Amino acid sequence: MIDLGKIQAQFKEWFDKNLSRGVQEDRFCNAMGIGEEAGEILHMVRVDFQGIREGLDKEKVRDEIMDGVGDVIIYAMNLCSLYGINIEDAIAKTASKVLKRDWVNNPGSAHLEGDDNG
């Protein structure tokens, strides 16, 4: 099993050594990186869905999406580190809330299920 906490610490060390420019700028750049990579994923899904790129095989689409997802996770790990958040805790907390939601039986309010304030 993969140890996300350990990988998060490794990326924090790598990021601090190679790219850090100060906490506020680093937070901004990592948040922007998440958006940029998510946009690249969306682009590949759209191209695949619309079939608008001749010769683009499914393996290339899969590889590009996998690369983009990996980049989003790395940016998210760095952003979490900058805010003192453990990535495993963030995933566990959110997964716990989402898994309590029942969209089939409660389509109008499922988004509130499992939320502490809902």
Protein backbone atom coordinates (compact mmCIF):
# COMPACT_ATOMS: atom_id res chain seq x y z
CA MET A 1 0.00 0.00 0.00
CA ILE A 2 1.16 3.51 -0.78
CA ASP A 3 2.00 5.84 2.12
CA LEU A 4 0.61 9.21 1.05
CA GLY A 5 1.91 10.93 4.18
CA LYS A 6 5.46 9.85 3.37
CA ILE A 7 5.11 10.92 -0.26
CA GLN A 8 3.65 14.25 0.88
CA ALA A 9 6.72 14.84 3.09
CA GLN A 10 9.05 13.95 0.20
CA PHE A 11 7.32 16.39 -2.13
CA LYS A 12 7.37 19.12 0.50
CA GLU A 13 11.13 18.70 0.82
CA TRP A 14 11.56 18.64 -2.97
CA PHE A 15 9.28 21.65 -3.46
CA ASP A 16 11.01 23.68 -0.74
CA LYS A 17 14.38 22.98 -2.34
CA ASN A 18 13.40 23.55 -5.97
CA LEU A 19 10.45 25.91 -6.28
CA SER A 20 9.60 27.69 -3.03
CA ARG A 21 9.23 31.48 -3.24
CA GLY A 22 7.44 32.20 0.04
CA VAL A 23 4.33 30.79 1.67
CA GLN A 24 1.70 33.05 0.09
CA GLU A 25 3.11 32.76 -3.43
CA ASP A 26 3.59 29.01 -3.00
CA ARG A 27 -0.03 28.58 -1.88
CA PHE A 28 -1.25 30.57 -4.86
CA CYS A 29 0.97 28.73 -7.36
CA ASN A 30 -0.04 25.30 -6.11
CA ALA A 31 -3.74 26.19 -6.18
CA MET A 32 -3.30 27.50 -9.73
CA GLY A 33 -1.44 24.32 -10.64
CA ILE A 34 -4.41 22.23 -9.51
CA GLY A 35 -6.69 24.28 -11.76
CA GLU A 36 -4.32 24.12 -14.71
CA GLU A 37 -3.90 20.36 -14.51
CA ALA A 38 -7.64 19.83 -13.98
CA GLY A 39 -8.17 21.85 -17.16
CA GLU A 40 -5.78 19.58 -19.05
CA ILE A 41 -7.67 16.52 -17.79
CA LEU A 42 -10.96 18.09 -18.86
CA HIS A 43 -9.52 18.86 -22.28
CA MET A 44 -8.49 15.24 -22.83
CA VAL A 45 -11.87 13.94 -21.67
CA ARG A 46 -13.62 16.39 -24.03
CA VAL A 47 -11.40 15.39 -26.96
CA ASP A 48 -12.13 11.73 -26.22
CA PHE A 49 -15.86 12.35 -25.78
CA GLN A 50 -16.20 14.40 -28.97
CA GLY A 51 -13.79 12.27 -30.98
CA ILE A 52 -12.34 15.43 -32.54
CA ARG A 53 -8.70 14.38 -32.79
CA GLU A 54 -8.08 11.93 -35.56
CA GLY A 55 -5.47 9.38 -34.71
CA LEU A 56 -5.62 9.99 -30.97
CA ASP A 57 -5.81 6.50 -29.55
CA LYS A 58 -7.43 5.52 -26.27
CA GLU A 59 -4.08 4.61 -24.73
CA LYS A 60 -2.76 8.16 -25.33
CA VAL A 61 -5.93 9.62 -23.78
CA ARG A 62 -5.56 7.31 -20.77
CA ASP A 63 -1.87 8.21 -20.34
CA GLU A 64 -2.57 11.96 -20.52
CA ILE A 65 -5.41 11.68 -18.00
CA MET A 66 -3.27 9.58 -15.66
CA ASP A 67 -0.44 12.14 -15.88
CA GLY A 68 -2.85 14.99 -15.17
CA VAL A 69 -4.42 13.24 -12.20
CA GLY A 70 -0.97 12.56 -10.78
CA ASP A 71 -0.06 16.23 -11.19
CA VAL A 72 -3.29 17.34 -9.47
CA ILE A 73 -2.51 15.05 -6.53
CA ILE A 74 1.05 16.37 -6.26
CA TYR A 75 -0.13 19.99 -6.33
CA ALA A 76 -2.81 19.11 -3.74
CA MET A 77 -0.19 17.49 -1.50
CA ASN A 78 1.98 20.59 -1.72
CA LEU A 79 -0.97 22.88 -1.00
CA CYS A 80 -1.93 20.75 2.00
CA SER A 81 1.64 20.94 3.30
CA LEU A 82 1.57 24.72 3.01
CA TYR A 83 -1.58 24.82 5.15
CA GLY A 84 -0.39 22.19 7.64
CA ILE A 85 -2.89 19.59 6.43
CA ASN A 86 -2.05 15.89 6.22
CA ILE A 87 -3.27 14.63 2.82
CA GLU A 88 -4.40 11.30 4.30
CA ASP A 89 -6.52 13.12 6.91
CA ALA A 90 -8.07 15.32 4.22
CA ILE A 91 -8.98 12.30 2.09
CA ALA A 92 -10.32 10.29 5.03
CA LYS A 93 -12.45 13.16 6.35
CA THR A 94 -13.95 13.97 2.97
CA ALA A 95 -14.46 10.32 2.02
CA SER A 96 -16.33 9.74 5.26
CA LYS A 97 -18.73 12.58 4.44
CA VAL A 98 -19.21 11.65 0.79
CA LEU A 99 -19.83 7.97 1.50
CA LYS A 100 -22.75 8.90 3.78
CA ARG A 101 -24.54 10.68 0.94
CA ASP A 102 -27.45 8.84 -0.68
CA TRP A 103 -28.22 10.48 -4.00
CA VAL A 104 -30.71 7.77 -4.96
CA ASN A 105 -33.00 8.20 -1.96
CA ASN A 106 -32.26 11.87 -1.18
CA PRO A 107 -31.49 13.64 -4.46
CA GLY A 108 -32.47 17.05 -3.10
CA SER A 109 -30.43 16.93 0.07
CA ALA A 110 -27.73 14.30 -0.38
CA HIS A 111 -25.11 17.03 -0.70
CA LEU A 112 -25.84 17.92 2.94
CA GLU A 113 -25.58 14.38 4.31
CA GLY A 114 -22.46 13.71 6.33
CA ASP A 115 -21.57 17.39 6.61
CA ASP A 116 -20.94 18.65 10.11
CA ASN A 117 -22.90 21.82 9.42
CA GLY A 118 -25.67 20.27 7.31
